[in-house]
Amino acid sequence: MESAPIYDDKAEVRGRLDLSKAEWQRAAEPDADPDGEYVEIAFVPHTDGKTYIAMRNSKYTGPDDTVLVFTESEWDAFVEGAKAGEFDEPW
């Protein structure tokens, strides 16, 4: 069985998005454990004139660690899906 074609609308920015000066925002309460594990996001402008949203785990912040990158419309859909419970655990 053949898999569906993959459309990569961020191919031109993959590997070229400069995160070195990103201002990461942590999703945590002000009194949260500073050594805890949290989601962090950053709004990162690119030379193509678009702003991308980067998301990472606060425990893995090295240059070779995983960062998810969203377009603005992808981010909006992700946030709406989270609000609607689309990513809730089933148990």
PDB file of N, CA and C in Angstrom:
ATOM      1  N   MET A   1       0.838  -1.187   0.000  1.00  0.00           N
ATOM      2  CA  MET A   1       0.000   0.000   0.000  1.00  0.00           C
ATOM      3  C   MET A   1       0.887   1.255   0.000  1.00  0.00           C
ATOM      4  N   GLU A   2       0.578   2.178  -0.863  1.00  0.00           N
ATOM      5  CA  GLU A   2       1.329   3.420  -0.952  1.00  0.00           C
ATOM      6  C   GLU A   2       0.858   4.405   0.100  1.00  0.00           C
ATOM      7  N   SER A   3       1.804   5.141   0.660  1.00  0.00           N
ATOM      8  CA  SER A   3       1.415   6.162   1.632  1.00  0.00           C
ATOM      9  C   SER A   3       1.026   7.440   0.895  1.00  0.00           C
ATOM     10  N   ALA A   4       0.279   8.265   1.594  1.00  0.00           N
ATOM     11  CA  ALA A   4      -0.147   9.537   1.016  1.00  0.00           C
ATOM     12  C   ALA A   4       1.059  10.451   0.840  1.00  0.00           C
ATOM     13  N   PRO A   5       1.048  11.301  -0.170  1.00  0.00           N
ATOM     14  CA  PRO A   5       2.165  12.238  -0.344  1.00  0.00           C
ATOM     15  C   PRO A   5       2.229  13.208   0.836  1.00  0.00           C
ATOM     16  N   ILE A   6       3.414  13.607   1.157  1.00  0.00           N
ATOM     17  CA  ILE A   6       3.618  14.532   2.269  1.00  0.00           C
ATOM     18  C   ILE A   6       3.909  15.916   1.705  1.00  0.00           C
ATOM     19  N   TYR A   7       3.136  16.886   2.158  1.00  0.00           N
ATOM     20  CA  TYR A   7       3.363  18.267   1.757  1.00  0.00           C
ATOM     21  C   TYR A   7       4.050  18.977   2.907  1.00  0.00           C
ATOM     22  N   ASP A   8       5.233  19.438   2.689  1.00  0.00           N
ATOM     23  CA  ASP A   8       6.016  20.102   3.730  1.00  0.00           C
ATOM     24  C   ASP A   8       6.045  21.598   3.439  1.00  0.00           C
ATOM     25  N   ASP A   9       5.125  22.334   4.066  1.00  0.00           N
ATOM     26  CA  ASP A   9       5.052  23.769   3.795  1.00  0.00           C
ATOM     27  C   ASP A   9       6.097  24.579   4.547  1.00  0.00           C
ATOM     28  N   LYS A  10       6.935  23.896   5.316  1.00  0.00           N
ATOM     29  CA  LYS A  10       8.008  24.596   6.027  1.00  0.00           C
ATOM     30  C   LYS A  10       9.387  24.130   5.562  1.00  0.00           C
ATOM     31  N   ALA A  11       9.448  23.477   4.430  1.00  0.00           N
ATOM     32  CA  ALA A  11      10.732  22.962   3.933  1.00  0.00           C
ATOM     33  C   ALA A  11      11.765  24.068   3.779  1.00  0.00           C
ATOM     34  N   GLU A  12      11.325  25.253   3.370  1.00  0.00           N
ATOM     35  CA  GLU A  12      12.269  26.351   3.137  1.00  0.00           C
ATOM     36  C   GLU A  12      12.809  26.952   4.434  1.00  0.00           C
ATOM     37  N   VAL A  13      12.172  26.699   5.568  1.00  0.00           N
ATOM     38  CA  VAL A  13      12.678  27.243   6.834  1.00  0.00           C
ATOM     39  C   VAL A  13      13.316  26.175   7.711  1.00  0.00           C
ATOM     40  N   ARG A  14      13.037  24.920   7.424  1.00  0.00           N
ATOM     41  CA  ARG A  14      13.588  23.832   8.240  1.00  0.00           C
ATOM     42  C   ARG A  14      15.112  23.911   8.232  1.00  0.00           C
ATOM     43  N   GLY A  15      15.691  23.979   9.400  1.00  0.00           N
ATOM     44  CA  GLY A  15      17.139  24.083   9.518  1.00  0.00           C
ATOM     45  C   GLY A  15      17.673  25.491   9.344  1.00  0.00           C
ATOM     46  N   ARG A  16      16.814  26.429   8.985  1.00  0.00           N
ATOM     47  CA  ARG A  16      17.250  27.815   8.783  1.00  0.00           C
ATOM     48  C   ARG A  16      16.574  28.798   9.733  1.00  0.00           C
ATOM     49  N   LEU A  17      15.727  28.295  10.597  1.00  0.00           N
ATOM     50  CA  LEU A  17      15.034  29.154  11.551  1.00  0.00           C
ATOM     51  C   LEU A  17      15.980  29.391  12.726  1.00  0.00           C
ATOM     52  N   ASP A  18      16.381  30.629  12.930  1.00  0.00           N
ATOM     53  CA  ASP A  18      17.354  30.955  13.970  1.00  0.00           C
ATOM     54  C   ASP A  18      16.662  31.050  15.327  1.00  0.00           C
ATOM     55  N   LEU A  19      16.890  30.037  16.152  1.00  0.00           N
ATOM     56  CA  LEU A  19      16.292  30.004  17.487  1.00  0.00           C
ATOM     57  C   LEU A  19      17.246  30.512  18.559  1.00  0.00           C
ATOM     58  N   SER A  20      18.444  30.922  18.165  1.00  0.00           N
ATOM     59  CA  SER A  20      19.455  31.328  19.147  1.00  0.00           C
ATOM     60  C   SER A  20      19.043  32.559  19.956  1.00  0.00           C
ATOM     61  N   LYS A  21      18.211  33.413  19.385  1.00  0.00           N
ATOM     62  CA  LYS A  21      17.772  34.616  20.098  1.00  0.00           C
ATOM     63  C   LYS A  21      16.290  34.551  20.459  1.00  0.00           C
ATOM     64  N   ALA A  22      15.719  33.359  20.373  1.00  0.00           N
ATOM     65  CA  ALA A  22      14.294  33.202  20.689  1.00  0.00           C
ATOM     66  C   ALA A  22      14.042  33.540  22.155  1.00  0.00           C
ATOM     67  N   GLU A  23      12.941  34.216  22.400  1.00  0.00           N
ATOM     68  CA  GLU A  23      12.528  34.542  23.765  1.00  0.00           C
ATOM     69  C   GLU A  23      11.468  33.525  24.171  1.00  0.00           C
ATOM     70  N   TRP A  24      11.914  32.482  24.859  1.00  0.00           N
ATOM     71  CA  TRP A  24      11.047  31.374  25.228  1.00  0.00           C
ATOM     72  C   TRP A  24      10.144  31.769  26.378  1.00  0.00           C
ATOM     73  N   GLN A  25       8.860  31.440  26.232  1.00  0.00           N
ATOM     74  CA  GLN A  25       7.858  31.693  27.264  1.00  0.00           C
ATOM     75  C   GLN A  25       7.446  30.344  27.840  1.00  0.00           C
ATOM     76  N   ARG A  26       7.451  30.238  29.148  1.00  0.00           N
ATOM     77  CA  ARG A  26       7.126  28.986  29.817  1.00  0.00           C
ATOM     78  C   ARG A  26       5.657  28.968  30.233  1.00  0.00           C
ATOM     79  N   ALA A  27       4.999  27.867  29.934  1.00  0.00           N
ATOM     80  CA  ALA A  27       3.598  27.687  30.329  1.00  0.00           C
ATOM     81  C   ALA A  27       3.567  27.077  31.719  1.00  0.00           C
ATOM     82  N   ALA A  28       3.677  27.926  32.741  1.00  0.00           N
ATOM     83  CA  ALA A  28       3.672  27.456  34.119  1.00  0.00           C
ATOM     84  C   ALA A  28       3.148  28.565  35.028  1.00  0.00           C
ATOM     85  N   GLU A  29       2.621  28.155  36.158  1.00  0.00           N
ATOM     86  CA  GLU A  29       2.171  29.119  37.159  1.00  0.00           C
ATOM     87  C   GLU A  29       3.397  29.844  37.731  1.00  0.00           C
ATOM     88  N   PRO A  30       3.225  31.084  38.185  1.00  0.00           N
ATOM     89  CA  PRO A  30       4.368  31.841  38.720  1.00  0.00           C
ATOM     90  C   PRO A  30       5.096  31.137  39.869  1.00  0.00           C
ATOM     91  N   ASP A  31       4.367  30.375  40.678  1.00  0.00           N
ATOM     92  CA  ASP A  31       4.992  29.703  41.818  1.00  0.00           C
ATOM     93  C   ASP A  31       5.384  28.255  41.505  1.00  0.00           C
ATOM     94  N   ALA A  32       5.423  27.900  40.242  1.00  0.00           N
ATOM     95  CA  ALA A  32       5.760  26.532  39.832  1.00  0.00           C
ATOM     96  C   ALA A  32       7.231  26.230  40.117  1.00  0.00           C
ATOM     97  N   ASP A  33       7.525  24.958  40.274  1.00  0.00           N
ATOM     98  CA  ASP A  33       8.887  24.485  40.509  1.00  0.00           C
ATOM     99  C   ASP A  33       9.778  24.898  39.332  1.00  0.00           C
ATOM    100  N   PRO A  34      10.827  25.691  39.574  1.00  0.00           N
ATOM    101  CA  PRO A  34      11.681  26.138  38.469  1.00  0.00           C
ATOM    102  C   PRO A  34      12.441  24.989  37.794  1.00  0.00           C
ATOM    103  N   ASP A  35      12.552  23.861  38.478  1.00  0.00           N
ATOM    104  CA  ASP A  35      13.231  22.704  37.904  1.00  0.00           C
ATOM    105  C   ASP A  35      12.252  21.705  37.290  1.00  0.00           C
ATOM    106  N   GLY A  36      10.985  22.081  37.228  1.00  0.00           N
ATOM    107  CA  GLY A  36       9.970  21.198  36.665  1.00  0.00           C
ATOM    108  C   GLY A  36      10.079  21.094  35.153  1.00  0.00           C
ATOM    109  N   GLU A  37       9.217  20.284  34.588  1.00  0.00           N
ATOM    110  CA  GLU A  37       9.204  20.067  33.140  1.00  0.00           C
ATOM    111  C   GLU A  37       7.974  20.762  32.561  1.00  0.00           C
ATOM    112  N   TYR A  38       8.185  21.688  31.630  1.00  0.00           N
ATOM    113  CA  TYR A  38       7.107  22.511  31.105  1.00  0.00           C
ATOM    114  C   TYR A  38       7.200  22.635  29.583  1.00  0.00           C
ATOM    115  N   VAL A  39       6.127  23.108  29.001  1.00  0.00           N
ATOM    116  CA  VAL A  39       6.127  23.458  27.578  1.00  0.00           C
ATOM    117  C   VAL A  39       6.590  24.899  27.467  1.00  0.00           C
ATOM    118  N   GLU A  40       7.459  25.163  26.505  1.00  0.00           N
ATOM    119  CA  GLU A  40       7.901  26.524  26.234  1.00  0.00           C
ATOM    120  C   GLU A  40       7.619  26.844  24.773  1.00  0.00           C
ATOM    121  N   ILE A  41       7.207  28.085  24.521  1.00  0.00           N
ATOM    122  CA  ILE A  41       6.971  28.519  23.145  1.00  0.00           C
ATOM    123  C   ILE A  41       7.726  29.825  22.885  1.00  0.00           C
ATOM    124  N   ALA A  42       8.001  30.059  21.613  1.00  0.00           N
ATOM    125  CA  ALA A  42       8.636  31.308  21.198  1.00  0.00           C
ATOM    126  C   ALA A  42       8.074  31.692  19.830  1.00  0.00           C
ATOM    127  N   PHE A  43       7.855  32.977  19.642  1.00  0.00           N
ATOM    128  CA  PHE A  43       7.413  33.509  18.358  1.00  0.00           C
ATOM    129  C   PHE A  43       8.674  33.998  17.646  1.00  0.00           C
ATOM    130  N   VAL A  44       8.989  33.358  16.524  1.00  0.00           N
ATOM    131  CA  VAL A  44      10.278  33.575  15.869  1.00  0.00           C
ATOM    132  C   VAL A  44      10.087  34.136  14.459  1.00  0.00           C
ATOM    133  N   PRO A  45      10.507  35.375  14.234  1.00  0.00           N
ATOM    134  CA  PRO A  45      10.421  35.934  12.879  1.00  0.00           C
ATOM    135  C   PRO A  45      11.462  35.296  11.963  1.00  0.00           C
ATOM    136  N   HIS A  46      11.117  35.196  10.708  1.00  0.00           N
ATOM    137  CA  HIS A  46      12.011  34.593   9.718  1.00  0.00           C
ATOM    138  C   HIS A  46      12.240  35.592   8.600  1.00  0.00           C
ATOM    139  N   THR A  47      13.288  35.392   7.848  1.00  0.00           N
ATOM    140  CA  THR A  47      13.598  36.307   6.742  1.00  0.00           C
ATOM    141  C   THR A  47      12.560  36.263   5.633  1.00  0.00           C
ATOM    142  N   ASP A  48      11.682  35.238   5.638  1.00  0.00           N
ATOM    143  CA  ASP A  48      10.626  35.185   4.625  1.00  0.00           C
ATOM    144  C   ASP A  48       9.454  36.098   4.975  1.00  0.00           C
ATOM    145  N   GLY A  49       9.574  36.843   6.103  1.00  0.00           N
ATOM    146  CA  GLY A  49       8.534  37.778   6.513  1.00  0.00           C
ATOM    147  C   GLY A  49       7.460  37.167   7.391  1.00  0.00           C
ATOM    148  N   LYS A  50       7.508  35.859   7.596  1.00  0.00           N
ATOM    149  CA  LYS A  50       6.516  35.188   8.430  1.00  0.00           C
ATOM    150  C   LYS A  50       7.073  34.997   9.835  1.00  0.00           C
ATOM    151  N   THR A  51       6.161  34.879  10.785  1.00  0.00           N
ATOM    152  CA  THR A  51       6.538  34.530  12.150  1.00  0.00           C
ATOM    153  C   THR A  51       6.111  33.103  12.388  1.00  0.00           C
ATOM    154  N   TYR A  52       7.044  32.300  12.877  1.00  0.00           N
ATOM    155  CA  TYR A  52       6.767  30.903  13.185  1.00  0.00           C
ATOM    156  C   TYR A  52       6.707  30.736  14.691  1.00  0.00           C
ATOM    157  N   ILE A  53       5.956  29.754  15.130  1.00  0.00           N
ATOM    158  CA  ILE A  53       5.844  29.467  16.551  1.00  0.00           C
ATOM    159  C   ILE A  53       6.622  28.189  16.820  1.00  0.00           C
ATOM    160  N   ALA A  54       7.603  28.287  17.705  1.00  0.00           N
ATOM    161  CA  ALA A  54       8.424  27.137  18.078  1.00  0.00           C
ATOM    162  C   ALA A  54       7.968  26.654  19.450  1.00  0.00           C
ATOM    163  N   MET A  55       7.953  25.340  19.644  1.00  0.00           N
ATOM    164  CA  MET A  55       7.532  24.764  20.920  1.00  0.00           C
ATOM    165  C   MET A  55       8.532  23.677  21.311  1.00  0.00           C
ATOM    166  N   ARG A  56       8.907  23.676  22.586  1.00  0.00           N
ATOM    167  CA  ARG A  56       9.862  22.683  23.075  1.00  0.00           C
ATOM    168  C   ARG A  56       9.543  22.290  24.513  1.00  0.00           C
ATOM    169  N   ASN A  57      10.228  21.268  24.976  1.00  0.00           N
ATOM    170  CA  ASN A  57      10.156  20.811  26.354  1.00  0.00           C
ATOM    171  C   ASN A  57      11.249  21.555  27.126  1.00  0.00           C
ATOM    172  N   SER A  58      10.908  22.118  28.280  1.00  0.00           N
ATOM    173  CA  SER A  58      11.869  22.919  29.042  1.00  0.00           C
ATOM    174  C   SER A  58      13.059  22.117  29.549  1.00  0.00           C
ATOM    175  N   LYS A  59      12.951  20.804  29.579  1.00  0.00           N
ATOM    176  CA  LYS A  59      14.066  19.960  30.034  1.00  0.00           C
ATOM    177  C   LYS A  59      15.069  19.677  28.911  1.00  0.00           C
ATOM    178  N   TYR A  60      14.673  19.942  27.674  1.00  0.00           N
ATOM    179  CA  TYR A  60      15.517  19.622  26.523  1.00  0.00           C
ATOM    180  C   TYR A  60      15.701  20.870  25.677  1.00  0.00           C
ATOM    181  N   THR A  61      16.678  21.676  26.041  1.00  0.00           N
ATOM    182  CA  THR A  61      16.840  22.983  25.396  1.00  0.00           C
ATOM    183  C   THR A  61      18.155  23.125  24.634  1.00  0.00           C
ATOM    184  N   GLY A  62      18.829  22.022  24.400  1.00  0.00           N
ATOM    185  CA  GLY A  62      20.088  22.071  23.662  1.00  0.00           C
ATOM    186  C   GLY A  62      19.866  22.294  22.179  1.00  0.00           C
ATOM    187  N   PRO A  63      20.901  22.685  21.470  1.00  0.00           N
ATOM    188  CA  PRO A  63      20.769  22.985  20.037  1.00  0.00           C
ATOM    189  C   PRO A  63      20.361  21.777  19.189  1.00  0.00           C
ATOM    190  N   ASP A  64      20.605  20.571  19.680  1.00  0.00           N
ATOM    191  CA  ASP A  64      20.247  19.371  18.924  1.00  0.00           C
ATOM    192  C   ASP A  64      18.959  18.720  19.424  1.00  0.00           C
ATOM    193  N   ASP A  65      18.305  19.338  20.407  1.00  0.00           N
ATOM    194  CA  ASP A  65      17.065  18.775  20.933  1.00  0.00           C
ATOM    195  C   ASP A  65      15.880  19.152  20.051  1.00  0.00           C
ATOM    196  N   THR A  66      14.802  18.436  20.215  1.00  0.00           N
ATOM    197  CA  THR A  66      13.626  18.592  19.359  1.00  0.00           C
ATOM    198  C   THR A  66      12.877  19.889  19.634  1.00  0.00           C
ATOM    199  N   VAL A  67      12.535  20.580  18.556  1.00  0.00           N
ATOM    200  CA  VAL A  67      11.685  21.770  18.608  1.00  0.00           C
ATOM    201  C   VAL A  67      10.631  21.589  17.527  1.00  0.00           C
ATOM    202  N   LEU A  68       9.366  21.704  17.923  1.00  0.00           N
ATOM    203  CA  LEU A  68       8.283  21.670  16.940  1.00  0.00           C
ATOM    204  C   LEU A  68       8.091  23.076  16.400  1.00  0.00           C
ATOM    205  N   VAL A  69       7.857  23.190  15.101  1.00  0.00           N
ATOM    206  CA  VAL A  69       7.675  24.502  14.474  1.00  0.00           C
ATOM    207  C   VAL A  69       6.325  24.532  13.772  1.00  0.00           C
ATOM    208  N   PHE A  70       5.552  25.566  14.075  1.00  0.00           N
ATOM    209  CA  PHE A  70       4.220  25.747  13.521  1.00  0.00           C
ATOM    210  C   PHE A  70       4.145  27.038  12.718  1.00  0.00           C
ATOM    211  N   THR A  71       3.351  27.032  11.656  1.00  0.00           N
ATOM    212  CA  THR A  71       2.975  28.296  11.020  1.00  0.00           C
ATOM    213  C   THR A  71       1.906  28.912  11.920  1.00  0.00           C
ATOM    214  N   GLU A  72       1.551  30.163  11.670  1.00  0.00           N
ATOM    215  CA  GLU A  72       0.524  30.803  12.490  1.00  0.00           C
ATOM    216  C   GLU A  72      -0.813  30.062  12.391  1.00  0.00           C
ATOM    217  N   SER A  73      -1.191  29.624  11.195  1.00  0.00           N
ATOM    218  CA  SER A  73      -2.472  28.922  11.045  1.00  0.00           C
ATOM    219  C   SER A  73      -2.416  27.540  11.703  1.00  0.00           C
ATOM    220  N   GLU A  74      -1.273  26.867  11.619  1.00  0.00           N
ATOM    221  CA  GLU A  74      -1.125  25.577  12.308  1.00  0.00           C
ATOM    222  C   GLU A  74      -1.227  25.755  13.823  1.00  0.00           C
ATOM    223  N   TRP A  75      -0.603  26.822  14.338  1.00  0.00           N
ATOM    224  CA  TRP A  75      -0.650  27.100  15.768  1.00  0.00           C
ATOM    225  C   TRP A  75      -2.086  27.368  16.217  1.00  0.00           C
ATOM    226  N   ASP A  76      -2.794  28.186  15.451  1.00  0.00           N
ATOM    227  CA  ASP A  76      -4.193  28.473  15.792  1.00  0.00           C
ATOM    228  C   ASP A  76      -5.013  27.190  15.843  1.00  0.00           C
ATOM    229  N   ALA A  77      -4.811  26.300  14.870  1.00  0.00           N
ATOM    230  CA  ALA A  77      -5.546  25.023  14.846  1.00  0.00           C
ATOM    231  C   ALA A  77      -5.139  24.141  16.024  1.00  0.00           C
ATOM    232  N   PHE A  78      -3.862  24.126  16.370  1.00  0.00           N
ATOM    233  CA  PHE A  78      -3.382  23.344  17.503  1.00  0.00           C
ATOM    234  C   PHE A  78      -4.017  23.835  18.805  1.00  0.00           C
ATOM    235  N   VAL A  79      -4.017  25.139  19.018  1.00  0.00           N
ATOM    236  CA  VAL A  79      -4.591  25.717  20.243  1.00  0.00           C
ATOM    237  C   VAL A  79      -6.086  25.422  20.320  1.00  0.00           C
ATOM    238  N   GLU A  80      -6.798  25.597  19.217  1.00  0.00           N
ATOM    239  CA  GLU A  80      -8.234  25.300  19.210  1.00  0.00           C
ATOM    240  C   GLU A  80      -8.492  23.817  19.507  1.00  0.00           C
ATOM    241  N   GLY A  81      -7.665  22.937  18.945  1.00  0.00           N
ATOM    242  CA  GLY A  81      -7.800  21.512  19.208  1.00  0.00           C
ATOM    243  C   GLY A  81      -7.545  21.183  20.668  1.00  0.00           C
ATOM    244  N   ALA A  82      -6.543  21.830  21.264  1.00  0.00           N
ATOM    245  CA  ALA A  82      -6.260  21.607  22.684  1.00  0.00           C
ATOM    246  C   ALA A  82      -7.425  22.082  23.546  1.00  0.00           C
ATOM    247  N   LYS A  83      -7.988  23.231  23.220  1.00  0.00           N
ATOM    248  CA  LYS A  83      -9.137  23.746  23.968  1.00  0.00           C
ATOM    249  C   LYS A  83     -10.339  22.819  23.853  1.00  0.00           C
ATOM    250  N   ALA A  84     -10.496  22.196  22.695  1.00  0.00           N
ATOM    251  CA  ALA A  84     -11.636  21.305  22.453  1.00  0.00           C
ATOM    252  C   ALA A  84     -11.412  19.897  23.002  1.00  0.00           C
ATOM    253  N   GLY A  85     -10.235  19.640  23.563  1.00  0.00           N
ATOM    254  CA  GLY A  85      -9.963  18.335  24.149  1.00  0.00           C
ATOM    255  C   GLY A  85      -9.480  17.278  23.178  1.00  0.00           C
ATOM    256  N   GLU A  86      -9.093  17.678  21.973  1.00  0.00           N
ATOM    257  CA  GLU A  86      -8.656  16.713  20.963  1.00  0.00           C
ATOM    258  C   GLU A  86      -7.419  15.926  21.365  1.00  0.00           C
ATOM    259  N   PHE A  87      -6.628  16.461  22.293  1.00  0.00           N
ATOM    260  CA  PHE A  87      -5.384  15.790  22.674  1.00  0.00           C
ATOM    261  C   PHE A  87      -5.438  15.217  24.079  1.00  0.00           C
ATOM    262  N   ASP A  88      -6.627  15.207  24.675  1.00  0.00           N
ATOM    263  CA  ASP A  88      -6.768  14.664  26.026  1.00  0.00           C
ATOM    264  C   ASP A  88      -6.503  13.152  26.006  1.00  0.00           C
ATOM    265  N   GLU A  89      -5.932  12.666  27.074  1.00  0.00           N
ATOM    266  CA  GLU A  89      -5.709  11.230  27.196  1.00  0.00           C
ATOM    267  C   GLU A  89      -7.057  10.537  27.363  1.00  0.00           C
ATOM    268  N   PRO A  90      -7.226   9.369  26.778  1.00  0.00           N
ATOM    269  CA  PRO A  90      -8.545   8.721  26.785  1.00  0.00           C
ATOM    270  C   PRO A  90      -8.939   8.075  28.115  1.00  0.00           C
ATOM    271  N   TRP A  91      -8.065   8.044  29.088  1.00  0.00           N
ATOM    272  CA  TRP A  91      -8.437   7.393  30.344  1.00  0.00           C
ATOM    273  C   TRP A  91      -8.674   8.370  31.456  1.00  0.00           C
TER     274      TRP A  91
END
